[in-house]
Amino acid sequence: MKIVTATEADRTIIFSMLAKSFAEDPYVSWLYPDKDLRMSIWPRVMEAIGGKAIGCRTTYMTADGSGAILWLPPGVEPDLEKKIQIFQASIPPSRLEAVREMDRQYFNLKPPSSPWVLSIIAVDPDHQQQGIGSALMEYSLKQIGDQAKELFVLSCNPRNISFYQRSGFELLGRIQADDAPPMHPLLRINH
């Protein structure tokens, strides 16, 4: 399988695939129970969360667009203001408070050392269970190499925890508020 560094020309392909791959995600489905609303809004949320990775040249994708992994290097933060604006305009106030609480928990567990953040990894549902996610992880970790001492990820799907653990990540805890599905932060330290 051929994996390449994504460019601006790949942005639409990547975020369309990401939207499709997160369509049934527990957390995203909790945020937006209506699938049509979810599919129209979630790509913009992902763009706010991980879009800067493309400009940093730390987004890797399969040549056929079936999978992608987006890393934010130390010092590069998601566009939280844009994410908050999208959420405020599209999520009921009761859920918005739970999101704020989960964000607080996230920032309490995220290492203060400014680690590399695996913003998003996803594989098109029609191509899952073929080793694409593992290949993307392995390839991207080789690209990042020795410059990454700490790597951090937030798994919004408990089924993916073992995937991250196989790649050397250790579970840091659990994030949850109200009736939201739990999310799990994980950290990998390279020695």
N, C-alpha and C. Protein backbone atom coordinates (compact mmCIF):
# COMPACT_ATOMS: atom_id res chain seq x y z
N MET A 1 0.84 -1.17 0.00
CA MET A 1 0.00 0.00 0.00
C MET A 1 0.89 1.23 0.00
N LYS A 2 0.56 2.16 -0.83
CA LYS A 2 1.35 3.38 -0.93
C LYS A 2 0.79 4.45 0.00
N ILE A 3 1.67 5.03 0.82
CA ILE A 3 1.31 6.11 1.73
C ILE A 3 2.11 7.34 1.34
N VAL A 4 1.44 8.48 1.31
CA VAL A 4 2.07 9.73 0.87
C VAL A 4 1.80 10.83 1.89
N THR A 5 2.61 11.87 1.81
CA THR A 5 2.36 13.07 2.61
C THR A 5 1.29 13.89 1.90
N ALA A 6 0.24 14.21 2.63
CA ALA A 6 -0.87 14.95 2.03
C ALA A 6 -0.50 16.40 1.77
N THR A 7 -1.12 16.97 0.76
CA THR A 7 -0.94 18.38 0.42
C THR A 7 -2.30 19.07 0.47
N GLU A 8 -2.28 20.38 0.30
CA GLU A 8 -3.54 21.14 0.28
C GLU A 8 -4.52 20.59 -0.75
N ALA A 9 -4.01 20.07 -1.86
CA ALA A 9 -4.89 19.52 -2.90
C ALA A 9 -5.67 18.30 -2.42
N ASP A 10 -5.20 17.67 -1.33
CA ASP A 10 -5.86 16.48 -0.79
C ASP A 10 -6.88 16.80 0.29
N ARG A 11 -6.97 18.05 0.71
CA ARG A 11 -7.79 18.43 1.86
C ARG A 11 -9.24 17.94 1.72
N THR A 12 -9.89 18.18 0.61
CA THR A 12 -11.30 17.80 0.44
C THR A 12 -11.46 16.29 0.49
N ILE A 13 -10.57 15.56 -0.15
CA ILE A 13 -10.63 14.10 -0.15
C ILE A 13 -10.50 13.58 1.28
N ILE A 14 -9.53 14.13 2.02
CA ILE A 14 -9.28 13.67 3.38
C ILE A 14 -10.48 13.92 4.28
N PHE A 15 -10.99 15.14 4.28
CA PHE A 15 -12.07 15.46 5.21
C PHE A 15 -13.39 14.82 4.81
N SER A 16 -13.60 14.53 3.55
CA SER A 16 -14.79 13.76 3.13
C SER A 16 -14.69 12.33 3.65
N MET A 17 -13.50 11.74 3.50
CA MET A 17 -13.30 10.38 4.00
C MET A 17 -13.44 10.34 5.52
N LEU A 18 -12.88 11.35 6.21
CA LEU A 18 -12.96 11.39 7.67
C LEU A 18 -14.41 11.48 8.14
N ALA A 19 -15.20 12.29 7.46
CA ALA A 19 -16.61 12.42 7.84
C ALA A 19 -17.32 11.07 7.71
N LYS A 20 -17.06 10.39 6.63
CA LYS A 20 -17.67 9.07 6.41
C LYS A 20 -17.21 8.08 7.48
N SER A 21 -15.94 8.11 7.83
CA SER A 21 -15.42 7.14 8.79
C SER A 21 -15.89 7.41 10.22
N PHE A 22 -16.24 8.66 10.53
CA PHE A 22 -16.73 9.00 11.87
C PHE A 22 -18.26 9.03 11.94
N ALA A 23 -18.93 8.64 10.87
CA ALA A 23 -20.39 8.75 10.80
C ALA A 23 -21.10 7.98 11.91
N GLU A 24 -20.53 6.88 12.36
CA GLU A 24 -21.16 6.07 13.39
C GLU A 24 -20.36 6.06 14.69
N ASP A 25 -19.40 6.96 14.82
CA ASP A 25 -18.59 7.05 16.03
C ASP A 25 -19.49 7.34 17.23
N PRO A 26 -19.26 6.66 18.38
CA PRO A 26 -20.15 6.87 19.54
C PRO A 26 -20.22 8.33 20.01
N TYR A 27 -19.10 8.99 20.12
CA TYR A 27 -19.09 10.36 20.62
C TYR A 27 -19.75 11.32 19.62
N VAL A 28 -19.39 11.17 18.36
CA VAL A 28 -19.95 12.04 17.33
C VAL A 28 -21.46 11.81 17.20
N SER A 29 -21.88 10.56 17.31
CA SER A 29 -23.32 10.26 17.25
C SER A 29 -24.05 10.83 18.47
N TRP A 30 -23.38 10.86 19.61
CA TRP A 30 -23.99 11.47 20.80
C TRP A 30 -24.14 12.99 20.60
N LEU A 31 -23.10 13.61 20.03
CA LEU A 31 -23.17 15.05 19.78
C LEU A 31 -24.28 15.40 18.80
N TYR A 32 -24.35 14.61 17.73
CA TYR A 32 -25.30 14.88 16.64
C TYR A 32 -26.10 13.62 16.34
N PRO A 33 -27.17 13.36 17.09
CA PRO A 33 -27.96 12.14 16.85
C PRO A 33 -28.54 12.07 15.44
N ASP A 34 -28.85 13.22 14.84
CA ASP A 34 -29.37 13.24 13.48
C ASP A 34 -28.21 13.06 12.49
N LYS A 35 -28.25 11.96 11.74
CA LYS A 35 -27.12 11.63 10.85
C LYS A 35 -26.88 12.70 9.79
N ASP A 36 -27.93 13.27 9.22
CA ASP A 36 -27.75 14.31 8.20
C ASP A 36 -27.02 15.52 8.79
N LEU A 37 -27.42 15.91 9.98
CA LEU A 37 -26.75 17.03 10.65
C LEU A 37 -25.30 16.67 10.95
N ARG A 38 -25.10 15.46 11.45
CA ARG A 38 -23.75 14.98 11.76
C ARG A 38 -22.84 15.03 10.53
N MET A 39 -23.35 14.56 9.41
CA MET A 39 -22.54 14.52 8.19
C MET A 39 -22.28 15.92 7.63
N SER A 40 -23.13 16.87 7.92
CA SER A 40 -22.91 18.22 7.40
C SER A 40 -21.98 19.03 8.31
N ILE A 41 -21.99 18.75 9.60
CA ILE A 41 -21.21 19.56 10.53
C ILE A 41 -19.87 18.94 10.88
N TRP A 42 -19.81 17.62 11.04
CA TRP A 42 -18.59 17.00 11.56
C TRP A 42 -17.34 17.27 10.70
N PRO A 43 -17.41 17.34 9.39
CA PRO A 43 -16.20 17.67 8.62
C PRO A 43 -15.60 19.02 9.02
N ARG A 44 -16.45 19.99 9.34
CA ARG A 44 -15.94 21.31 9.77
C ARG A 44 -15.28 21.22 11.14
N VAL A 45 -15.84 20.38 12.01
CA VAL A 45 -15.25 20.19 13.33
C VAL A 45 -13.87 19.54 13.18
N MET A 46 -13.78 18.52 12.34
CA MET A 46 -12.50 17.85 12.13
C MET A 46 -11.48 18.78 11.50
N GLU A 47 -11.92 19.63 10.62
CA GLU A 47 -11.03 20.63 10.02
C GLU A 47 -10.46 21.53 11.11
N ALA A 48 -11.30 21.94 12.06
CA ALA A 48 -10.83 22.78 13.17
C ALA A 48 -9.87 22.02 14.07
N ILE A 49 -10.14 20.75 14.28
CA ILE A 49 -9.32 19.94 15.17
C ILE A 49 -7.97 19.58 14.53
N GLY A 50 -7.98 19.20 13.27
CA GLY A 50 -6.76 18.67 12.67
C GLY A 50 -6.30 19.30 11.38
N GLY A 51 -7.02 20.27 10.88
CA GLY A 51 -6.69 20.85 9.58
C GLY A 51 -5.30 21.44 9.45
N LYS A 52 -4.74 21.94 10.55
CA LYS A 52 -3.40 22.54 10.49
C LYS A 52 -2.32 21.52 10.17
N ALA A 53 -2.59 20.24 10.40
CA ALA A 53 -1.59 19.20 10.14
C ALA A 53 -1.20 19.14 8.67
N ILE A 54 -2.13 19.47 7.79
CA ILE A 54 -1.81 19.43 6.36
C ILE A 54 -0.74 20.48 6.04
N GLY A 55 -0.90 21.68 6.53
CA GLY A 55 0.09 22.73 6.30
C GLY A 55 1.43 22.44 6.96
N CYS A 56 1.41 21.64 8.02
CA CYS A 56 2.65 21.26 8.71
C CYS A 56 3.35 20.10 8.01
N ARG A 57 2.69 19.53 7.00
CA ARG A 57 3.21 18.37 6.27
C ARG A 57 3.35 17.16 7.19
N THR A 58 2.40 17.05 8.13
CA THR A 58 2.38 15.92 9.06
C THR A 58 1.05 15.17 8.96
N THR A 59 0.47 15.22 7.76
CA THR A 59 -0.71 14.42 7.44
C THR A 59 -0.27 13.41 6.40
N TYR A 60 -0.54 12.16 6.69
CA TYR A 60 -0.16 11.07 5.79
C TYR A 60 -1.43 10.33 5.40
N MET A 61 -1.49 9.95 4.14
CA MET A 61 -2.70 9.30 3.64
C MET A 61 -2.33 8.19 2.67
N THR A 62 -3.26 7.27 2.49
CA THR A 62 -3.06 6.27 1.46
C THR A 62 -3.24 6.97 0.11
N ALA A 63 -2.53 6.50 -0.87
CA ALA A 63 -2.58 7.14 -2.19
C ALA A 63 -3.99 7.10 -2.77
N ASP A 64 -4.79 6.11 -2.37
CA ASP A 64 -6.16 6.03 -2.89
C ASP A 64 -7.17 6.79 -2.03
N GLY A 65 -6.70 7.45 -0.96
CA GLY A 65 -7.59 8.26 -0.12
C GLY A 65 -8.45 7.46 0.84
N SER A 66 -8.14 6.19 1.04
CA SER A 66 -8.97 5.35 1.91
C SER A 66 -8.65 5.50 3.39
N GLY A 67 -7.55 6.16 3.71
CA GLY A 67 -7.20 6.36 5.12
C GLY A 67 -6.26 7.53 5.26
N ALA A 68 -6.25 8.12 6.47
CA ALA A 68 -5.37 9.26 6.74
C ALA A 68 -5.07 9.35 8.23
N ILE A 69 -3.92 9.92 8.53
CA ILE A 69 -3.53 10.18 9.91
C ILE A 69 -2.99 11.61 9.96
N LEU A 70 -3.46 12.38 10.92
CA LEU A 70 -3.10 13.80 11.01
C LEU A 70 -2.43 14.06 12.36
N TRP A 71 -1.18 14.49 12.33
CA TRP A 71 -0.40 14.79 13.54
C TRP A 71 -0.20 16.29 13.65
N LEU A 72 -0.40 16.81 14.86
CA LEU A 72 -0.06 18.21 15.14
C LEU A 72 1.26 18.22 15.90
N PRO A 73 2.29 18.86 15.34
CA PRO A 73 3.58 18.91 16.02
C PRO A 73 3.51 19.79 17.27
N PRO A 74 4.50 19.67 18.16
CA PRO A 74 4.52 20.52 19.35
C PRO A 74 4.40 22.00 18.96
N GLY A 75 3.59 22.71 19.72
CA GLY A 75 3.40 24.14 19.47
C GLY A 75 2.31 24.46 18.48
N VAL A 76 1.80 23.47 17.76
CA VAL A 76 0.70 23.67 16.82
C VAL A 76 -0.58 23.16 17.48
N GLU A 77 -1.50 24.05 17.68
CA GLU A 77 -2.74 23.71 18.38
C GLU A 77 -3.92 23.69 17.41
N PRO A 78 -4.92 22.89 17.74
CA PRO A 78 -6.14 22.93 16.92
C PRO A 78 -6.78 24.31 17.00
N ASP A 79 -7.65 24.59 16.06
CA ASP A 79 -8.36 25.86 16.07
C ASP A 79 -9.56 25.73 17.02
N LEU A 80 -9.27 25.87 18.31
CA LEU A 80 -10.30 25.67 19.33
C LEU A 80 -11.41 26.72 19.24
N GLU A 81 -11.06 27.92 18.86
CA GLU A 81 -12.07 28.97 18.73
C GLU A 81 -13.10 28.59 17.66
N LYS A 82 -12.61 28.09 16.54
CA LYS A 82 -13.51 27.67 15.47
C LYS A 82 -14.37 26.48 15.93
N LYS A 83 -13.76 25.51 16.62
CA LYS A 83 -14.51 24.36 17.13
C LYS A 83 -15.61 24.82 18.08
N ILE A 84 -15.30 25.73 18.98
CA ILE A 84 -16.28 26.23 19.94
C ILE A 84 -17.42 26.95 19.21
N GLN A 85 -17.08 27.75 18.21
CA GLN A 85 -18.12 28.46 17.44
C GLN A 85 -19.07 27.47 16.76
N ILE A 86 -18.50 26.42 16.17
CA ILE A 86 -19.33 25.42 15.50
C ILE A 86 -20.23 24.73 16.52
N PHE A 87 -19.65 24.32 17.65
CA PHE A 87 -20.42 23.64 18.67
C PHE A 87 -21.52 24.54 19.24
N GLN A 88 -21.21 25.80 19.52
CA GLN A 88 -22.21 26.71 20.09
C GLN A 88 -23.39 26.90 19.14
N ALA A 89 -23.13 26.85 17.85
CA ALA A 89 -24.19 27.06 16.87
C ALA A 89 -24.97 25.78 16.55
N SER A 90 -24.46 24.61 16.97
CA SER A 90 -25.09 23.37 16.49
C SER A 90 -25.44 22.35 17.56
N ILE A 91 -25.02 22.58 18.81
CA ILE A 91 -25.28 21.61 19.87
C ILE A 91 -26.20 22.24 20.91
N PRO A 92 -27.18 21.49 21.40
CA PRO A 92 -28.05 22.02 22.45
C PRO A 92 -27.24 22.41 23.69
N PRO A 93 -27.66 23.46 24.41
CA PRO A 93 -26.90 23.93 25.58
C PRO A 93 -26.61 22.85 26.62
N SER A 94 -27.52 21.92 26.82
CA SER A 94 -27.28 20.86 27.81
C SER A 94 -26.09 19.99 27.42
N ARG A 95 -25.97 19.68 26.16
CA ARG A 95 -24.83 18.88 25.68
C ARG A 95 -23.57 19.73 25.64
N LEU A 96 -23.71 21.00 25.34
CA LEU A 96 -22.56 21.89 25.26
C LEU A 96 -21.82 21.95 26.60
N GLU A 97 -22.55 21.94 27.69
CA GLU A 97 -21.90 21.96 29.01
C GLU A 97 -21.11 20.67 29.24
N ALA A 98 -21.63 19.55 28.79
CA ALA A 98 -20.90 18.28 28.91
C ALA A 98 -19.62 18.31 28.06
N VAL A 99 -19.72 18.89 26.87
CA VAL A 99 -18.54 19.03 26.00
C VAL A 99 -17.48 19.89 26.69
N ARG A 100 -17.91 20.98 27.29
CA ARG A 100 -16.96 21.85 28.01
C ARG A 100 -16.27 21.10 29.14
N GLU A 101 -17.04 20.31 29.87
CA GLU A 101 -16.46 19.54 30.97
C GLU A 101 -15.46 18.51 30.45
N MET A 102 -15.79 17.87 29.34
CA MET A 102 -14.86 16.89 28.77
C MET A 102 -13.59 17.57 28.26
N ASP A 103 -13.74 18.76 27.68
CA ASP A 103 -12.56 19.52 27.25
C ASP A 103 -11.68 19.86 28.45
N ARG A 104 -12.29 20.25 29.58
CA ARG A 104 -11.51 20.55 30.79
C ARG A 104 -10.74 19.32 31.25
N GLN A 105 -11.40 18.19 31.24
CA GLN A 105 -10.73 16.95 31.65
C GLN A 105 -9.59 16.61 30.70
N TYR A 106 -9.83 16.81 29.41
CA TYR A 106 -8.80 16.55 28.40
C TYR A 106 -7.55 17.39 28.68
N PHE A 107 -7.73 18.67 28.89
CA PHE A 107 -6.58 19.54 29.09
C PHE A 107 -5.89 19.28 30.43
N ASN A 108 -6.60 18.71 31.39
CA ASN A 108 -5.97 18.32 32.65
C ASN A 108 -5.11 17.07 32.49
N LEU A 109 -5.45 16.20 31.53
CA LEU A 109 -4.70 14.97 31.32
C LEU A 109 -3.62 15.10 30.25
N LYS A 110 -3.76 16.05 29.35
CA LYS A 110 -2.77 16.24 28.30
C LYS A 110 -1.47 16.74 28.93
N PRO A 111 -0.34 16.11 28.59
CA PRO A 111 0.94 16.53 29.17
C PRO A 111 1.23 18.00 28.87
N PRO A 112 1.75 18.73 29.85
CA PRO A 112 2.06 20.15 29.63
C PRO A 112 3.30 20.37 28.78
N SER A 113 3.97 19.28 28.43
CA SER A 113 5.24 19.38 27.71
C SER A 113 5.09 19.63 26.22
N SER A 114 3.90 19.87 25.74
CA SER A 114 3.63 20.10 24.32
C SER A 114 4.05 18.91 23.47
N PRO A 115 3.36 17.77 23.64
CA PRO A 115 3.70 16.59 22.86
C PRO A 115 3.18 16.69 21.43
N TRP A 116 3.62 15.76 20.59
CA TRP A 116 2.98 15.57 19.30
C TRP A 116 1.58 15.06 19.59
N VAL A 117 0.58 15.56 18.89
CA VAL A 117 -0.80 15.12 19.12
C VAL A 117 -1.32 14.45 17.86
N LEU A 118 -1.73 13.20 18.02
CA LEU A 118 -2.38 12.50 16.93
C LEU A 118 -3.81 13.03 16.92
N SER A 119 -4.03 13.96 16.04
CA SER A 119 -5.31 14.67 15.99
C SER A 119 -6.43 13.76 15.50
N ILE A 120 -6.18 13.07 14.39
CA ILE A 120 -7.21 12.21 13.80
C ILE A 120 -6.52 11.08 13.04
N ILE A 121 -7.04 9.90 13.18
CA ILE A 121 -6.69 8.78 12.30
C ILE A 121 -8.00 8.11 11.92
N ALA A 122 -8.14 7.79 10.66
CA ALA A 122 -9.39 7.16 10.23
C ALA A 122 -9.17 6.41 8.92
N VAL A 123 -10.01 5.41 8.75
CA VAL A 123 -10.03 4.62 7.52
C VAL A 123 -11.47 4.56 7.04
N ASP A 124 -11.66 4.75 5.76
CA ASP A 124 -12.99 4.65 5.16
C ASP A 124 -13.63 3.33 5.60
N PRO A 125 -14.89 3.35 6.03
CA PRO A 125 -15.54 2.12 6.50
C PRO A 125 -15.49 0.97 5.49
N ASP A 126 -15.49 1.28 4.21
CA ASP A 126 -15.43 0.23 3.18
C ASP A 126 -14.05 -0.42 3.09
N HIS A 127 -13.05 0.14 3.77
CA HIS A 127 -11.68 -0.38 3.69
C HIS A 127 -11.12 -0.77 5.06
N GLN A 128 -11.96 -0.81 6.08
CA GLN A 128 -11.48 -1.14 7.41
C GLN A 128 -11.16 -2.63 7.52
N GLN A 129 -10.40 -2.96 8.56
CA GLN A 129 -9.97 -4.34 8.84
C GLN A 129 -9.06 -4.90 7.75
N GLN A 130 -8.31 -4.00 7.08
CA GLN A 130 -7.36 -4.43 6.05
C GLN A 130 -5.94 -4.01 6.40
N GLY A 131 -5.71 -3.53 7.62
CA GLY A 131 -4.38 -3.13 8.04
C GLY A 131 -3.98 -1.72 7.66
N ILE A 132 -4.91 -0.95 7.13
CA ILE A 132 -4.59 0.41 6.68
C ILE A 132 -4.25 1.31 7.87
N GLY A 133 -5.04 1.25 8.94
CA GLY A 133 -4.76 2.06 10.11
C GLY A 133 -3.39 1.75 10.69
N SER A 134 -3.07 0.48 10.80
CA SER A 134 -1.75 0.08 11.32
C SER A 134 -0.63 0.56 10.41
N ALA A 135 -0.83 0.45 9.10
CA ALA A 135 0.20 0.92 8.16
C ALA A 135 0.38 2.43 8.27
N LEU A 136 -0.71 3.17 8.41
CA LEU A 136 -0.62 4.62 8.57
C LEU A 136 0.12 4.99 9.86
N MET A 137 -0.19 4.28 10.94
CA MET A 137 0.47 4.55 12.21
C MET A 137 1.97 4.28 12.09
N GLU A 138 2.31 3.12 11.58
CA GLU A 138 3.73 2.74 11.46
C GLU A 138 4.48 3.73 10.57
N TYR A 139 3.91 4.05 9.43
CA TYR A 139 4.56 4.97 8.50
C TYR A 139 4.76 6.35 9.14
N SER A 140 3.70 6.84 9.77
CA SER A 140 3.79 8.19 10.35
C SER A 140 4.78 8.24 11.50
N LEU A 141 4.85 7.19 12.30
CA LEU A 141 5.82 7.18 13.40
C LEU A 141 7.25 7.17 12.86
N LYS A 142 7.47 6.52 11.73
CA LYS A 142 8.80 6.56 11.11
C LYS A 142 9.12 7.96 10.58
N GLN A 143 8.10 8.64 10.04
CA GLN A 143 8.32 9.99 9.51
C GLN A 143 8.64 10.98 10.62
N ILE A 144 7.92 10.85 11.71
CA ILE A 144 8.13 11.76 12.84
C ILE A 144 9.48 11.47 13.49
N GLY A 145 9.80 10.18 13.60
CA GLY A 145 11.10 9.74 14.06
C GLY A 145 11.50 10.21 15.45
N ASP A 146 12.77 10.46 15.58
CA ASP A 146 13.36 10.80 16.88
C ASP A 146 12.90 12.15 17.41
N GLN A 147 12.35 12.99 16.55
CA GLN A 147 11.94 14.32 17.02
C GLN A 147 10.74 14.26 17.96
N ALA A 148 10.06 13.13 18.01
CA ALA A 148 8.87 12.99 18.86
C ALA A 148 9.22 12.23 20.13
N LYS A 149 9.35 12.94 21.23
CA LYS A 149 9.63 12.30 22.52
C LYS A 149 8.34 11.85 23.19
N GLU A 150 7.29 12.66 23.05
CA GLU A 150 5.99 12.30 23.61
C GLU A 150 4.93 12.43 22.52
N LEU A 151 4.05 11.44 22.47
CA LEU A 151 2.96 11.46 21.52
C LEU A 151 1.66 11.21 22.29
N PHE A 152 0.65 12.00 21.98
CA PHE A 152 -0.60 11.98 22.74
C PHE A 152 -1.76 11.79 21.78
N VAL A 153 -2.76 11.02 22.22
CA VAL A 153 -3.96 10.82 21.41
C VAL A 153 -5.16 10.69 22.35
N LEU A 154 -6.30 11.13 21.87
CA LEU A 154 -7.56 10.97 22.60
C LEU A 154 -8.44 10.05 21.77
N SER A 155 -8.71 8.87 22.29
CA SER A 155 -9.55 7.91 21.59
C SER A 155 -11.00 8.17 21.97
N CYS A 156 -11.82 8.50 20.97
CA CYS A 156 -13.24 8.73 21.25
C CYS A 156 -14.05 7.46 21.06
N ASN A 157 -13.39 6.36 20.75
CA ASN A 157 -14.08 5.08 20.61
C ASN A 157 -13.31 4.03 21.42
N PRO A 158 -13.90 3.50 22.49
CA PRO A 158 -13.20 2.54 23.34
C PRO A 158 -12.65 1.32 22.57
N ARG A 159 -13.29 0.98 21.45
CA ARG A 159 -12.81 -0.17 20.66
C ARG A 159 -11.41 0.07 20.09
N ASN A 160 -10.98 1.35 20.01
CA ASN A 160 -9.68 1.65 19.40
C ASN A 160 -8.53 1.67 20.40
N ILE A 161 -8.82 1.53 21.68
CA ILE A 161 -7.76 1.60 22.69
C ILE A 161 -6.67 0.56 22.43
N SER A 162 -7.05 -0.66 22.14
CA SER A 162 -6.05 -1.72 21.92
C SER A 162 -5.19 -1.41 20.69
N PHE A 163 -5.75 -0.77 19.69
CA PHE A 163 -4.97 -0.36 18.51
C PHE A 163 -3.84 0.56 18.93
N TYR A 164 -4.16 1.56 19.74
CA TYR A 164 -3.13 2.50 20.19
C TYR A 164 -2.13 1.81 21.11
N GLN A 165 -2.60 0.92 21.95
CA GLN A 165 -1.69 0.21 22.85
C GLN A 165 -0.70 -0.65 22.07
N ARG A 166 -1.14 -1.25 20.98
CA ARG A 166 -0.22 -2.04 20.15
C ARG A 166 0.87 -1.16 19.54
N SER A 167 0.60 0.13 19.43
CA SER A 167 1.58 1.08 18.88
C SER A 167 2.39 1.75 19.99
N GLY A 168 2.30 1.24 21.20
CA GLY A 168 3.13 1.74 22.29
C GLY A 168 2.52 2.83 23.15
N PHE A 169 1.25 3.14 22.96
CA PHE A 169 0.58 4.15 23.77
C PHE A 169 0.07 3.50 25.06
N GLU A 170 0.11 4.27 26.14
CA GLU A 170 -0.40 3.80 27.42
C GLU A 170 -1.60 4.64 27.83
N LEU A 171 -2.60 3.96 28.35
CA LEU A 171 -3.84 4.61 28.77
C LEU A 171 -3.59 5.50 29.97
N LEU A 172 -4.04 6.75 29.90
CA LEU A 172 -3.86 7.70 31.00
C LEU A 172 -5.10 7.83 31.89
N GLY A 173 -6.23 7.45 31.38
CA GLY A 173 -7.45 7.61 32.17
C GLY A 173 -8.68 7.58 31.30
N ARG A 174 -9.72 8.17 31.84
CA ARG A 174 -11.03 8.18 31.17
C ARG A 174 -11.62 9.58 31.33
N ILE A 175 -12.23 10.05 30.27
CA ILE A 175 -12.88 11.36 30.27
C ILE A 175 -14.36 11.12 30.00
N GLN A 176 -15.21 11.68 30.89
CA GLN A 176 -16.64 11.50 30.67
C GLN A 176 -17.40 12.57 31.44
N ALA A 177 -18.52 12.97 30.89
CA ALA A 177 -19.42 13.93 31.53
C ALA A 177 -20.85 13.60 31.12
N ASP A 178 -21.74 13.73 32.06
CA ASP A 178 -23.16 13.45 31.82
C ASP A 178 -23.35 12.10 31.13
N ASP A 179 -24.15 12.09 30.07
CA ASP A 179 -24.43 10.83 29.38
C ASP A 179 -23.56 10.64 28.13
N ALA A 180 -22.50 11.43 28.01
CA ALA A 180 -21.60 11.30 26.85
C ALA A 180 -20.84 9.99 26.92
N PRO A 181 -20.56 9.39 25.77
CA PRO A 181 -19.70 8.21 25.77
C PRO A 181 -18.30 8.60 26.27
N PRO A 182 -17.62 7.68 26.96
CA PRO A 182 -16.29 8.02 27.47
C PRO A 182 -15.27 8.16 26.36
N MET A 183 -14.26 8.97 26.63
CA MET A 183 -13.10 9.09 25.75
C MET A 183 -11.88 8.75 26.60
N HIS A 184 -10.82 8.32 25.93
CA HIS A 184 -9.66 7.83 26.64
C HIS A 184 -8.36 8.45 26.09
N PRO A 185 -7.66 9.22 26.92
CA PRO A 185 -6.38 9.78 26.50
C PRO A 185 -5.28 8.73 26.66
N LEU A 186 -4.37 8.71 25.70
CA LEU A 186 -3.24 7.79 25.74
C LEU A 186 -1.96 8.53 25.41
N LEU A 187 -0.85 8.06 25.96
CA LEU A 187 0.44 8.71 25.79
C LEU A 187 1.49 7.68 25.42
N ARG A 188 2.35 8.04 24.50
CA ARG A 188 3.51 7.20 24.15
C ARG A 188 4.75 8.05 24.40
N ILE A 189 5.70 7.49 25.13
CA ILE A 189 6.96 8.18 25.39
C ILE A 189 8.07 7.42 24.68
N ASN A 190 8.77 8.10 23.82
CA ASN A 190 9.91 7.50 23.11
C ASN A 190 11.18 7.78 23.90
N HIS A 191 11.97 6.75 24.11
CA HIS A 191 13.22 6.93 24.86
C HIS A 191 14.41 6.94 23.93
